[in-house]
Amino acid sequence: MRRPPLLLALLLLVLAGCTTSPDNDKPTPGPTPGRWQPEPGVAWQWQLSGRLDPTVDVPVYDIDGFDHPKSAVDDLHRRGRKVICYLSTGAWEDFRPDAGKFPKSVLGRGNGWDGERWLDIRRTDILEPLMAARIDMCRTKGFDAVEPDNMDGYANTTGFPVTAADQLRYNRLIARLAHDRGLSVGLKNDLDQIPQLVGDFDFAVNEQCAEHEECEELTSFIEAGKAVFHVEYELKTSEFCPEARRLKLSSMLKKYELGVWRRPC
């Protein structure tokens, strides 16, 4: 059936808006149906070392993506938990099974942890397929979300002239890779770029904002209805929990090794 000219013109305008390729440096759309969106204040457990204890009575677990099989994720799901896949996306780790796939040209200075070196995040031609494979692993194992670590190399001495614009571009790339696979994704630290990135990420993960008096900088996530998973290591709970509760952060005290032990607010 032929359409009247005016309706045809309007239809073409709508289609043009739908098919325009998004600018890679602009925020991606918000949460889509079916993608998990953790809400402010939800309790969590973060365990990256030791034998996994699945019995902590919290709705969210954050565990190492490489170290745990699909059966561990399935078990947590049976217990009613959502499960976040911890990955390092901004640093190379010599103990990972895919370590040999990273060429020496993208390996920079150490980041302060044994066996780890900053990555040259400008080299997305090399890093994108490697990170896509890692996030594919998270999806295959049944994780609900990804926690990409070392997402603020531009603010550190990496051995490469990485700029804030480079970091924004890379962080948005990681968010897109997760979203394309139906996974939620969190912004790890990188406080200075929260205003530009809050629209690209589904939650935040932060270490020691209370100790450094920076927790107010995370409120953009809370105002957007997105959880902020927060830990302190050096303070007493009495020193940070009242403020954390006021800000609706999901806060707890942990030890640096991130084992089972936790003391929530």
C-alpha atoms as a PDB file:
ATOM      1  CA  MET A   1       0.000   0.000   0.000  1.00  0.00           C
ATOM      2  CA  ARG A   2       1.365   3.428  -0.902  1.00  0.00           C
ATOM      3  CA  ARG A   3       1.809   5.894   1.928  1.00  0.00           C
ATOM      4  CA  PRO A   4       0.788   9.545   1.738  1.00  0.00           C
ATOM      5  CA  PRO A   5       3.898  11.756   1.219  1.00  0.00           C
ATOM      6  CA  LEU A   6       3.740  13.389   4.667  1.00  0.00           C
ATOM      7  CA  LEU A   7       3.574  10.078   6.529  1.00  0.00           C
ATOM      8  CA  LEU A   8       6.368   8.708   4.379  1.00  0.00           C
ATOM      9  CA  ALA A   9       8.592  11.653   5.231  1.00  0.00           C
ATOM     10  CA  LEU A  10       7.908  11.248   8.934  1.00  0.00           C
ATOM     11  CA  LEU A  11       8.679   7.528   8.719  1.00  0.00           C
ATOM     12  CA  LEU A  12      12.002   8.182   7.006  1.00  0.00           C
ATOM     13  CA  LEU A  13      12.976  10.631   9.751  1.00  0.00           C
ATOM     14  CA  VAL A  14      12.208   8.050  12.435  1.00  0.00           C
ATOM     15  CA  LEU A  15      14.162   5.347  10.626  1.00  0.00           C
ATOM     16  CA  ALA A  16      17.121   7.658  10.152  1.00  0.00           C
ATOM     17  CA  GLY A  17      17.215   8.301  13.885  1.00  0.00           C
ATOM     18  CA  CYS A  18      17.110   4.579  14.636  1.00  0.00           C
ATOM     19  CA  THR A  19      19.866   3.576  12.246  1.00  0.00           C
ATOM     20  CA  THR A  20      22.429   6.277  12.964  1.00  0.00           C
ATOM     21  CA  SER A  21      25.608   4.752  14.371  1.00  0.00           C
ATOM     22  CA  PRO A  22      26.263   5.954  17.925  1.00  0.00           C
ATOM     23  CA  ASP A  23      29.369   7.984  18.642  1.00  0.00           C
ATOM     24  CA  ASN A  24      31.769   5.702  20.528  1.00  0.00           C
ATOM     25  CA  ASP A  25      32.585   8.559  22.912  1.00  0.00           C
ATOM     26  CA  LYS A  26      28.971   9.280  23.906  1.00  0.00           C
ATOM     27  CA  PRO A  27      27.086   7.537  26.731  1.00  0.00           C
ATOM     28  CA  THR A  28      25.318   4.330  25.798  1.00  0.00           C
ATOM     29  CA  PRO A  29      21.605   3.868  26.594  1.00  0.00           C
ATOM     30  CA  GLY A  30      20.480   3.050  30.108  1.00  0.00           C
ATOM     31  CA  PRO A  31      19.547  -0.410  31.383  1.00  0.00           C
ATOM     32  CA  THR A  32      17.661  -2.544  28.875  1.00  0.00           C
ATOM     33  CA  PRO A  33      14.924  -5.055  29.703  1.00  0.00           C
ATOM     34  CA  GLY A  34      16.414  -8.260  31.036  1.00  0.00           C
ATOM     35  CA  ARG A  35      19.688  -6.726  32.190  1.00  0.00           C
ATOM     36  CA  TRP A  36      20.207  -6.737  35.923  1.00  0.00           C
ATOM     37  CA  GLN A  37      20.185  -3.332  37.613  1.00  0.00           C
ATOM     38  CA  PRO A  38      21.330  -3.414  41.265  1.00  0.00           C
ATOM     39  CA  GLU A  39      19.650  -0.743  43.359  1.00  0.00           C
ATOM     40  CA  PRO A  40      21.267   1.546  45.945  1.00  0.00           C
ATOM     41  CA  GLY A  41      21.808   0.000  49.362  1.00  0.00           C
ATOM     42  CA  VAL A  42      21.745  -3.654  48.300  1.00  0.00           C
ATOM     43  CA  ALA A  43      24.033  -5.819  50.458  1.00  0.00           C
ATOM     44  CA  TRP A  44      26.916  -7.730  48.897  1.00  0.00           C
ATOM     45  CA  GLN A  45      29.890 -10.009  49.439  1.00  0.00           C
ATOM     46  CA  TRP A  46      33.224  -9.496  47.670  1.00  0.00           C
ATOM     47  CA  GLN A  47      35.478 -12.554  47.812  1.00  0.00           C
ATOM     48  CA  LEU A  48      38.535 -12.795  45.556  1.00  0.00           C
ATOM     49  CA  SER A  49      40.713 -15.187  47.592  1.00  0.00           C
ATOM     50  CA  GLY A  50      40.375 -18.395  49.557  1.00  0.00           C
ATOM     51  CA  ARG A  51      37.790 -21.128  49.213  1.00  0.00           C
ATOM     52  CA  LEU A  52      34.478 -19.629  48.149  1.00  0.00           C
ATOM     53  CA  ASP A  53      31.897 -19.496  50.944  1.00  0.00           C
ATOM     54  CA  PRO A  54      28.459 -19.340  49.288  1.00  0.00           C
ATOM     55  CA  THR A  55      26.537 -19.106  52.566  1.00  0.00           C
ATOM     56  CA  VAL A  56      26.819 -15.377  53.308  1.00  0.00           C
ATOM     57  CA  ASP A  57      23.226 -14.165  53.438  1.00  0.00           C
ATOM     58  CA  VAL A  58      23.387 -11.337  50.899  1.00  0.00           C
ATOM     59  CA  PRO A  59      21.729 -10.922  47.486  1.00  0.00           C
ATOM     60  CA  VAL A  60      24.927 -10.073  45.565  1.00  0.00           C
ATOM     61  CA  TYR A  61      28.284 -11.849  45.264  1.00  0.00           C
ATOM     62  CA  ASP A  62      31.368 -10.503  43.462  1.00  0.00           C
ATOM     63  CA  ILE A  63      33.889 -13.283  42.699  1.00  0.00           C
ATOM     64  CA  ASP A  64      36.863 -13.891  40.404  1.00  0.00           C
ATOM     65  CA  GLY A  65      35.761 -14.816  36.903  1.00  0.00           C
ATOM     66  CA  PHE A  66      38.742 -17.039  36.116  1.00  0.00           C
ATOM     67  CA  ASP A  67      38.934 -18.852  39.437  1.00  0.00           C
ATOM     68  CA  HIS A  68      35.395 -20.192  39.613  1.00  0.00           C
ATOM     69  CA  PRO A  69      33.583 -22.637  37.322  1.00  0.00           C
ATOM     70  CA  LYS A  70      30.036 -22.348  36.045  1.00  0.00           C
ATOM     71  CA  SER A  71      28.918 -24.761  38.764  1.00  0.00           C
ATOM     72  CA  ALA A  72      29.897 -22.228  41.455  1.00  0.00           C
ATOM     73  CA  VAL A  73      27.900 -19.496  39.734  1.00  0.00           C
ATOM     74  CA  ASP A  74      24.946 -21.858  39.321  1.00  0.00           C
ATOM     75  CA  ASP A  75      25.110 -22.736  43.018  1.00  0.00           C
ATOM     76  CA  LEU A  76      24.996 -19.075  44.003  1.00  0.00           C
ATOM     77  CA  HIS A  77      22.033 -18.560  41.684  1.00  0.00           C
ATOM     78  CA  ARG A  78      20.201 -21.451  43.353  1.00  0.00           C
ATOM     79  CA  ARG A  79      20.775 -19.664  46.647  1.00  0.00           C
ATOM     80  CA  GLY A  80      19.105 -16.552  45.230  1.00  0.00           C
ATOM     81  CA  ARG A  81      22.239 -14.512  44.572  1.00  0.00           C
ATOM     82  CA  LYS A  82      23.183 -12.326  41.643  1.00  0.00           C
ATOM     83  CA  VAL A  83      26.839 -12.884  40.713  1.00  0.00           C
ATOM     84  CA  ILE A  84      29.411 -10.365  39.458  1.00  0.00           C
ATOM     85  CA  CYS A  85      32.439 -11.516  37.445  1.00  0.00           C
ATOM     86  CA  TYR A  86      35.660  -9.841  38.577  1.00  0.00           C
ATOM     87  CA  LEU A  87      38.151  -9.215  35.737  1.00  0.00           C
ATOM     88  CA  SER A  88      41.196  -7.016  35.322  1.00  0.00           C
ATOM     89  CA  THR A  89      40.671  -5.071  32.115  1.00  0.00           C
ATOM     90  CA  GLY A  90      43.279  -2.355  32.581  1.00  0.00           C
ATOM     91  CA  ALA A  91      46.224  -4.429  33.783  1.00  0.00           C
ATOM     92  CA  TRP A  92      47.974  -7.611  32.645  1.00  0.00           C
ATOM     93  CA  GLU A  93      48.331 -10.456  35.150  1.00  0.00           C
ATOM     94  CA  ASP A  94      51.040 -13.047  34.554  1.00  0.00           C
ATOM     95  CA  PHE A  95      49.038 -15.770  36.359  1.00  0.00           C
ATOM     96  CA  ARG A  96      46.002 -15.755  34.053  1.00  0.00           C
ATOM     97  CA  PRO A  97      45.587 -18.541  31.468  1.00  0.00           C
ATOM     98  CA  ASP A  98      45.457 -16.021  28.609  1.00  0.00           C
ATOM     99  CA  ALA A  99      48.535 -14.047  29.743  1.00  0.00           C
ATOM    100  CA  GLY A 100      50.585 -15.260  26.762  1.00  0.00           C
ATOM    101  CA  LYS A 101      48.141 -13.699  24.302  1.00  0.00           C
ATOM    102  CA  PHE A 102      49.133 -10.154  25.322  1.00  0.00           C
ATOM    103  CA  PRO A 103      52.062  -8.828  23.246  1.00  0.00           C
ATOM    104  CA  LYS A 104      54.900  -7.157  25.123  1.00  0.00           C
ATOM    105  CA  SER A 105      54.161  -3.903  23.326  1.00  0.00           C
ATOM    106  CA  VAL A 106      51.033  -3.337  25.448  1.00  0.00           C
ATOM    107  CA  LEU A 107      52.625  -4.173  28.808  1.00  0.00           C
ATOM    108  CA  GLY A 108      53.634  -1.169  30.876  1.00  0.00           C
ATOM    109  CA  ARG A 109      54.889  -0.545  34.380  1.00  0.00           C
ATOM    110  CA  GLY A 110      53.856  -2.525  37.430  1.00  0.00           C
ATOM    111  CA  ASN A 111      50.668  -1.410  39.138  1.00  0.00           C
ATOM    112  CA  GLY A 112      51.810  -2.275  42.654  1.00  0.00           C
ATOM    113  CA  TRP A 113      50.571  -5.880  42.720  1.00  0.00           C
ATOM    114  CA  ASP A 114      52.856  -8.874  42.158  1.00  0.00           C
ATOM    115  CA  GLY A 115      52.773 -10.120  38.580  1.00  0.00           C
ATOM    116  CA  GLU A 116      50.652  -7.231  37.296  1.00  0.00           C
ATOM    117  CA  ARG A 117      51.479  -4.490  34.769  1.00  0.00           C
ATOM    118  CA  TRP A 118      49.407  -1.674  33.338  1.00  0.00           C
ATOM    119  CA  LEU A 119      48.080  -2.128  29.813  1.00  0.00           C
ATOM    120  CA  ASP A 120      48.337   0.380  26.988  1.00  0.00           C
ATOM    121  CA  ILE A 121      44.600   0.974  26.719  1.00  0.00           C
ATOM    122  CA  ARG A 122      45.116   3.086  23.605  1.00  0.00           C
ATOM    123  CA  ARG A 123      45.722  -0.158  21.694  1.00  0.00           C
ATOM    124  CA  THR A 124      42.115  -1.186  21.398  1.00  0.00           C
ATOM    125  CA  ASP A 125      42.939  -3.049  18.193  1.00  0.00           C
ATOM    126  CA  ILE A 126      44.818  -5.548  20.365  1.00  0.00           C
ATOM    127  CA  LEU A 127      42.871  -5.346  23.615  1.00  0.00           C
ATOM    128  CA  GLU A 128      39.279  -5.384  22.363  1.00  0.00           C
ATOM    129  CA  PRO A 129      39.289  -9.021  21.164  1.00  0.00           C
ATOM    130  CA  LEU A 130      41.150 -10.136  24.295  1.00  0.00           C
ATOM    131  CA  MET A 131      38.669  -8.409  26.598  1.00  0.00           C
ATOM    132  CA  ALA A 132      35.733  -9.616  24.528  1.00  0.00           C
ATOM    133  CA  ALA A 133      36.955 -13.190  25.042  1.00  0.00           C
ATOM    134  CA  ARG A 134      37.176 -12.630  28.795  1.00  0.00           C
ATOM    135  CA  ILE A 135      33.663 -11.215  28.973  1.00  0.00           C
ATOM    136  CA  ASP A 136      32.453 -14.103  26.804  1.00  0.00           C
ATOM    137  CA  MET A 137      33.844 -16.362  29.528  1.00  0.00           C
ATOM    138  CA  CYS A 138      31.779 -14.509  32.141  1.00  0.00           C
ATOM    139  CA  ARG A 139      28.655 -14.926  30.051  1.00  0.00           C
ATOM    140  CA  THR A 140      29.309 -18.612  29.385  1.00  0.00           C
ATOM    141  CA  LYS A 141      29.694 -19.253  33.115  1.00  0.00           C
ATOM    142  CA  GLY A 142      26.350 -17.578  33.773  1.00  0.00           C
ATOM    143  CA  PHE A 143      27.458 -14.402  35.549  1.00  0.00           C
ATOM    144  CA  ASP A 144      24.987 -11.515  35.753  1.00  0.00           C
ATOM    145  CA  ALA A 145      27.510  -8.689  35.594  1.00  0.00           C
ATOM    146  CA  VAL A 146      31.164  -7.738  35.200  1.00  0.00           C
ATOM    147  CA  GLU A 147      33.451  -5.809  37.543  1.00  0.00           C
ATOM    148  CA  PRO A 148      36.294  -4.557  35.316  1.00  0.00           C
ATOM    149  CA  ASP A 149      39.298  -3.565  37.432  1.00  0.00           C
ATOM    150  CA  ASN A 150      42.148  -1.094  36.849  1.00  0.00           C
ATOM    151  CA  MET A 151      39.945   1.331  34.957  1.00  0.00           C
ATOM    152  CA  ASP A 152      41.858   4.492  35.892  1.00  0.00           C
ATOM    153  CA  GLY A 153      45.298   3.975  34.368  1.00  0.00           C
ATOM    154  CA  TYR A 154      45.351   7.529  33.002  1.00  0.00           C
ATOM    155  CA  ALA A 155      45.642   8.771  36.596  1.00  0.00           C
ATOM    156  CA  ASN A 156      48.619   6.482  37.312  1.00  0.00           C
ATOM    157  CA  THR A 157      52.171   6.042  36.067  1.00  0.00           C
ATOM    158  CA  THR A 158      51.560   3.338  33.483  1.00  0.00           C
ATOM    159  CA  GLY A 159      54.571   3.781  31.208  1.00  0.00           C
ATOM    160  CA  PHE A 160      52.324   5.064  28.422  1.00  0.00           C
ATOM    161  CA  PRO A 161      51.054   8.604  27.639  1.00  0.00           C
ATOM    162  CA  VAL A 162      47.448   7.675  28.356  1.00  0.00           C
ATOM    163  CA  THR A 163      45.063  10.637  28.501  1.00  0.00           C
ATOM    164  CA  ALA A 164      41.699  11.123  30.175  1.00  0.00           C
ATOM    165  CA  ALA A 165      40.085  10.928  26.719  1.00  0.00           C
ATOM    166  CA  ASP A 166      41.822   7.582  26.108  1.00  0.00           C
ATOM    167  CA  GLN A 167      40.439   6.304  29.398  1.00  0.00           C
ATOM    168  CA  LEU A 168      36.897   7.423  28.638  1.00  0.00           C
ATOM    169  CA  ARG A 169      37.040   5.712  25.264  1.00  0.00           C
ATOM    170  CA  TYR A 170      38.390   2.473  26.724  1.00  0.00           C
ATOM    171  CA  ASN A 171      35.983   2.377  29.648  1.00  0.00           C
ATOM    172  CA  ARG A 172      33.053   2.863  27.299  1.00  0.00           C
ATOM    173  CA  LEU A 173      34.407   0.077  25.125  1.00  0.00           C
ATOM    174  CA  ILE A 174      34.415  -2.300  28.101  1.00  0.00           C
ATOM    175  CA  ALA A 175      30.875  -1.239  29.018  1.00  0.00           C
ATOM    176  CA  ARG A 176      29.709  -1.872  25.459  1.00  0.00           C
ATOM    177  CA  LEU A 177      31.327  -5.311  25.348  1.00  0.00           C
ATOM    178  CA  ALA A 178      29.476  -6.278  28.525  1.00  0.00           C
ATOM    179  CA  HIS A 179      26.147  -4.822  27.422  1.00  0.00           C
ATOM    180  CA  ASP A 180      26.370  -6.472  24.013  1.00  0.00           C
ATOM    181  CA  ARG A 181      26.483  -9.793  25.890  1.00  0.00           C
ATOM    182  CA  GLY A 182      23.524  -8.979  28.103  1.00  0.00           C
ATOM    183  CA  LEU A 183      25.651  -8.361  31.205  1.00  0.00           C
ATOM    184  CA  SER A 184      25.559  -5.426  33.579  1.00  0.00           C
ATOM    185  CA  VAL A 185      28.864  -3.665  34.208  1.00  0.00           C
ATOM    186  CA  GLY A 186      30.313  -1.592  37.040  1.00  0.00           C
ATOM    187  CA  LEU A 187      32.663   1.374  37.002  1.00  0.00           C
ATOM    188  CA  LYS A 188      35.603   0.570  39.283  1.00  0.00           C
ATOM    189  CA  ASN A 189      36.945   3.632  41.120  1.00  0.00           C
ATOM    190  CA  ASP A 190      37.807   6.317  38.442  1.00  0.00           C
ATOM    191  CA  LEU A 191      35.972   8.937  40.481  1.00  0.00           C
ATOM    192  CA  ASP A 192      36.999  11.925  38.375  1.00  0.00           C
ATOM    193  CA  GLN A 193      35.225  10.540  35.309  1.00  0.00           C
ATOM    194  CA  ILE A 194      31.963   9.564  36.996  1.00  0.00           C
ATOM    195  CA  PRO A 195      30.037  12.535  35.517  1.00  0.00           C
ATOM    196  CA  GLN A 196      30.935  11.394  32.009  1.00  0.00           C
ATOM    197  CA  LEU A 197      30.501   7.649  32.639  1.00  0.00           C
ATOM    198  CA  VAL A 198      27.508   7.251  34.951  1.00  0.00           C
ATOM    199  CA  GLY A 199      25.262   6.810  31.923  1.00  0.00           C
ATOM    200  CA  ASP A 200      27.413   3.996  30.539  1.00  0.00           C
ATOM    201  CA  PHE A 201      27.630   1.833  33.658  1.00  0.00           C
ATOM    202  CA  ASP A 202      24.995   0.025  35.715  1.00  0.00           C
ATOM    203  CA  PHE A 203      26.666   0.348  39.127  1.00  0.00           C
ATOM    204  CA  ALA A 204      29.922   1.456  40.727  1.00  0.00           C
ATOM    205  CA  VAL A 205      32.542  -0.388  42.771  1.00  0.00           C
ATOM    206  CA  ASN A 206      34.690   1.723  45.035  1.00  0.00           C
ATOM    207  CA  GLU A 207      37.556   1.213  47.447  1.00  0.00           C
ATOM    208  CA  GLN A 208      38.276   3.601  50.309  1.00  0.00           C
ATOM    209  CA  CYS A 209      36.223   6.630  49.321  1.00  0.00           C
ATOM    210  CA  ALA A 210      35.583   7.301  53.026  1.00  0.00           C
ATOM    211  CA  GLU A 211      39.264   7.195  53.939  1.00  0.00           C
ATOM    212  CA  HIS A 212      40.007   9.670  51.151  1.00  0.00           C
ATOM    213  CA  GLU A 213      36.863  11.757  51.816  1.00  0.00           C
ATOM    214  CA  GLU A 214      35.537  11.168  48.296  1.00  0.00           C
ATOM    215  CA  CYS A 215      32.225   9.337  48.803  1.00  0.00           C
ATOM    216  CA  GLU A 216      30.111  12.340  47.812  1.00  0.00           C
ATOM    217  CA  GLU A 217      31.556  11.991  44.309  1.00  0.00           C
ATOM    218  CA  LEU A 218      29.665   8.698  43.929  1.00  0.00           C
ATOM    219  CA  THR A 219      26.215  10.162  44.506  1.00  0.00           C
ATOM    220  CA  SER A 220      25.562  10.490  40.755  1.00  0.00           C
ATOM    221  CA  PHE A 221      25.153   6.719  40.669  1.00  0.00           C
ATOM    222  CA  ILE A 222      22.803   6.737  43.646  1.00  0.00           C
ATOM    223  CA  GLU A 223      20.710   9.525  42.122  1.00  0.00           C
ATOM    224  CA  ALA A 224      20.444   7.452  38.937  1.00  0.00           C
ATOM    225  CA  GLY A 225      19.083   4.518  40.963  1.00  0.00           C
ATOM    226  CA  LYS A 226      22.321   2.526  40.600  1.00  0.00           C
ATOM    227  CA  ALA A 227      24.125   0.737  43.423  1.00  0.00           C
ATOM    228  CA  VAL A 228      27.531   1.767  44.735  1.00  0.00           C
ATOM    229  CA  PHE A 229      29.381  -1.281  46.116  1.00  0.00           C
ATOM    230  CA  HIS A 230      31.905   0.159  48.555  1.00  0.00           C
ATOM    231  CA  VAL A 231      34.618  -1.215  50.844  1.00  0.00           C
ATOM    232  CA  GLU A 232      37.023   0.239  53.363  1.00  0.00           C
ATOM    233  CA  TYR A 233      40.163  -1.471  54.669  1.00  0.00           C
ATOM    234  CA  GLU A 234      41.764   0.855  57.209  1.00  0.00           C
ATOM    235  CA  LEU A 235      38.845   2.513  58.998  1.00  0.00           C
ATOM    236  CA  LYS A 236      36.530   1.234  61.709  1.00  0.00           C
ATOM    237  CA  THR A 237      32.905   0.733  60.739  1.00  0.00           C
ATOM    238  CA  SER A 238      31.942   3.465  63.191  1.00  0.00           C
ATOM    239  CA  GLU A 239      34.101   5.861  61.193  1.00  0.00           C
ATOM    240  CA  PHE A 240      32.421   5.362  57.811  1.00  0.00           C
ATOM    241  CA  CYS A 241      29.107   3.529  58.190  1.00  0.00           C
ATOM    242  CA  PRO A 242      26.948   6.481  59.330  1.00  0.00           C
ATOM    243  CA  GLU A 243      27.937   8.484  56.251  1.00  0.00           C
ATOM    244  CA  ALA A 244      27.644   5.422  54.013  1.00  0.00           C
ATOM    245  CA  ARG A 245      24.097   4.807  55.202  1.00  0.00           C
ATOM    246  CA  ARG A 246      23.192   8.459  54.629  1.00  0.00           C
ATOM    247  CA  LEU A 247      24.479   8.244  51.063  1.00  0.00           C
ATOM    248  CA  LYS A 248      22.804   4.829  50.504  1.00  0.00           C
ATOM    249  CA  LEU A 249      26.098   3.111  49.679  1.00  0.00           C
ATOM    250  CA  SER A 250      26.428  -0.675  49.901  1.00  0.00           C
ATOM    251  CA  SER A 251      29.338  -0.529  52.321  1.00  0.00           C
ATOM    252  CA  MET A 252      31.410  -2.958  54.354  1.00  0.00           C
ATOM    253  CA  LEU A 253      34.792  -3.385  55.953  1.00  0.00           C
ATOM    254  CA  LYS A 254      37.105  -5.956  54.337  1.00  0.00           C
ATOM    255  CA  LYS A 255      40.713  -7.095  54.651  1.00  0.00           C
ATOM    256  CA  TYR A 256      43.055  -6.423  51.747  1.00  0.00           C
ATOM    257  CA  GLU A 257      43.180 -10.055  50.653  1.00  0.00           C
ATOM    258  CA  LEU A 258      39.399  -9.945  50.080  1.00  0.00           C
ATOM    259  CA  GLY A 259      38.705 -13.309  51.620  1.00  0.00           C
ATOM    260  CA  VAL A 260      35.489 -14.453  53.309  1.00  0.00           C
ATOM    261  CA  TRP A 261      35.684 -12.079  56.271  1.00  0.00           C
ATOM    262  CA  ARG A 262      33.439  -9.031  56.095  1.00  0.00           C
ATOM    263  CA  ARG A 263      31.874  -6.544  58.460  1.00  0.00           C
ATOM    264  CA  PRO A 264      28.936  -4.777  56.787  1.00  0.00           C
ATOM    265  CA  CYS A 265      27.449  -1.456  57.768  1.00  0.00           C
END
